[in-house]
Amino acid sequence: TAIDMTDIGTGFQIANVILDGNQSVLIVATILSQNDTVDKANAFTFDRSGTAIGQTWSMLAHTAAVNRTITLTFLDSKPAAGNYTYKVQWSVSAASTGTITGRVLGLAVIPSA
């Protein structure tokens, strides 16, 4: 079953990443979030210009409304040449409310060897 992901918020993206088809992109995000319901989760994934890339990471709330930190890392290996926007998207388990209380996103373009 697909998870409906949405943008975390305005400004949590890196636009105009211009690649020549021989470069890779290392993406790292650290997110501080909470869920208001025990045994419910917040899920996160990376997105490249409208396409989900990598895996979906899930963070389960063992205690309600307690901040937890998750760090996500993904190597986008040699996507086709183009101008891309990278961002993190998220979803929250049904019948619960998630909150993002802190976030950092960075990337590095790695030249081909």
Protein backbone atom coordinates (compact mmCIF):
# COMPACT_ATOMS: atom_id res chain seq x y z
CA THR A 1 0.00 0.00 0.00
CA ALA A 2 1.40 3.36 -1.00
CA ILE A 3 1.85 6.04 1.64
CA ASP A 4 0.61 9.51 0.77
CA MET A 5 3.55 11.81 1.43
CA THR A 6 3.41 15.59 1.68
CA ASP A 7 6.05 18.30 1.85
CA ILE A 8 7.35 19.02 5.35
CA GLY A 9 7.08 22.74 4.79
CA THR A 10 8.06 25.75 2.78
CA GLY A 11 11.79 26.10 2.41
CA PHE A 12 12.72 22.51 3.31
CA GLN A 13 14.12 21.81 -0.14
CA ILE A 14 17.21 22.49 -2.23
CA ALA A 15 16.37 23.69 -5.74
CA ASN A 16 18.43 24.18 -8.91
CA VAL A 17 20.72 21.19 -8.42
CA ILE A 18 22.16 20.95 -11.93
CA LEU A 19 23.64 17.55 -12.83
CA ASP A 20 25.41 16.33 -15.97
CA GLY A 21 24.38 12.65 -15.72
CA ASN A 22 27.77 11.50 -14.41
CA GLN A 23 27.46 12.95 -10.91
CA SER A 24 25.84 11.50 -7.81
CA VAL A 25 24.13 13.39 -4.99
CA LEU A 26 24.58 12.65 -1.28
CA ILE A 27 21.53 13.87 0.64
CA VAL A 28 21.35 14.16 4.43
CA ALA A 29 18.43 15.33 6.56
CA THR A 30 18.05 15.49 10.33
CA ILE A 31 14.51 15.90 11.60
CA LEU A 32 13.19 16.42 15.11
CA SER A 33 9.55 15.33 15.30
CA GLN A 34 6.88 13.91 17.56
CA ASN A 35 3.56 12.10 17.32
CA ASP A 36 0.73 12.70 19.78
CA THR A 37 -0.33 9.04 19.97
CA VAL A 38 1.57 6.04 21.37
CA ASP A 39 2.33 3.34 18.77
CA LYS A 40 1.68 5.69 15.85
CA ALA A 41 4.42 6.74 13.44
CA ASN A 42 5.80 9.57 11.37
CA ALA A 43 7.31 8.40 8.06
CA PHE A 44 9.86 10.22 5.88
CA THR A 45 11.26 9.86 2.36
CA PHE A 46 13.46 11.83 -0.04
CA ASP A 47 11.96 13.30 -3.22
CA ARG A 48 13.77 14.35 -6.41
CA SER A 49 11.59 16.69 -8.50
CA GLY A 50 8.37 14.82 -7.78
CA THR A 51 9.78 11.28 -7.64
CA ALA A 52 10.28 9.45 -4.34
CA ILE A 53 13.83 8.09 -4.11
CA GLY A 54 15.35 5.69 -1.63
CA GLN A 55 13.45 4.03 1.15
CA THR A 56 10.78 5.24 3.54
CA TRP A 57 11.97 5.65 7.12
CA SER A 58 9.45 5.33 9.94
CA MET A 59 9.70 6.62 13.49
CA LEU A 60 7.32 5.02 16.00
CA ALA A 61 6.12 6.96 19.07
CA HIS A 62 6.77 4.86 22.17
CA THR A 63 5.70 7.85 24.28
CA ALA A 64 3.18 10.42 23.09
CA ALA A 65 4.31 13.97 22.25
CA VAL A 66 8.02 13.40 22.92
CA ASN A 67 10.54 14.79 20.43
CA ARG A 68 12.64 12.17 18.64
CA THR A 69 15.47 12.75 16.20
CA ILE A 70 15.98 10.84 12.96
CA THR A 71 18.83 11.30 10.48
CA LEU A 72 18.26 10.16 6.90
CA THR A 73 21.04 9.61 4.36
CA PHE A 74 20.76 8.57 0.72
CA LEU A 75 23.13 8.46 -2.26
CA ASP A 76 21.27 9.31 -5.47
CA SER A 77 23.59 7.52 -7.86
CA LYS A 78 24.02 9.26 -11.20
CA PRO A 79 20.52 10.49 -12.03
CA ALA A 80 20.03 11.63 -15.63
CA ALA A 81 21.31 15.07 -16.61
CA GLY A 82 18.91 17.79 -15.52
CA ASN A 83 17.97 20.50 -13.06
CA TYR A 84 16.48 18.98 -9.90
CA THR A 85 14.85 19.95 -6.61
CA TYR A 86 15.56 17.69 -3.64
CA LYS A 87 13.33 17.65 -0.56
CA VAL A 88 12.02 15.48 2.26
CA GLN A 89 8.38 14.50 2.44
CA TRP A 90 6.49 12.94 5.32
CA SER A 91 3.28 11.27 6.43
CA VAL A 92 1.62 10.62 9.76
CA SER A 93 -0.26 7.49 10.87
CA ALA A 94 -4.05 7.70 10.69
CA ALA A 95 -5.83 8.93 13.83
CA SER A 96 -2.78 10.80 15.09
CA THR A 97 -1.07 14.16 14.74
CA GLY A 98 2.61 14.64 13.97
CA THR A 99 4.69 17.74 14.55
CA ILE A 100 8.05 18.76 13.11
CA THR A 101 9.96 20.78 15.69
CA GLY A 102 13.33 21.03 13.96
CA ARG A 103 14.91 20.19 10.61
CA VAL A 104 18.13 20.45 8.60
CA LEU A 105 18.69 19.42 4.97
CA GLY A 106 21.96 19.32 3.06
CA LEU A 107 23.44 17.75 -0.03
CA ALA A 108 26.73 17.35 -1.83
CA VAL A 109 27.21 16.77 -5.56
CA ILE A 110 29.86 14.10 -6.06
CA PRO A 111 31.77 14.11 -9.36
CA SER A 112 32.22 10.84 -11.23
CA ALA A 113 35.42 8.93 -10.53
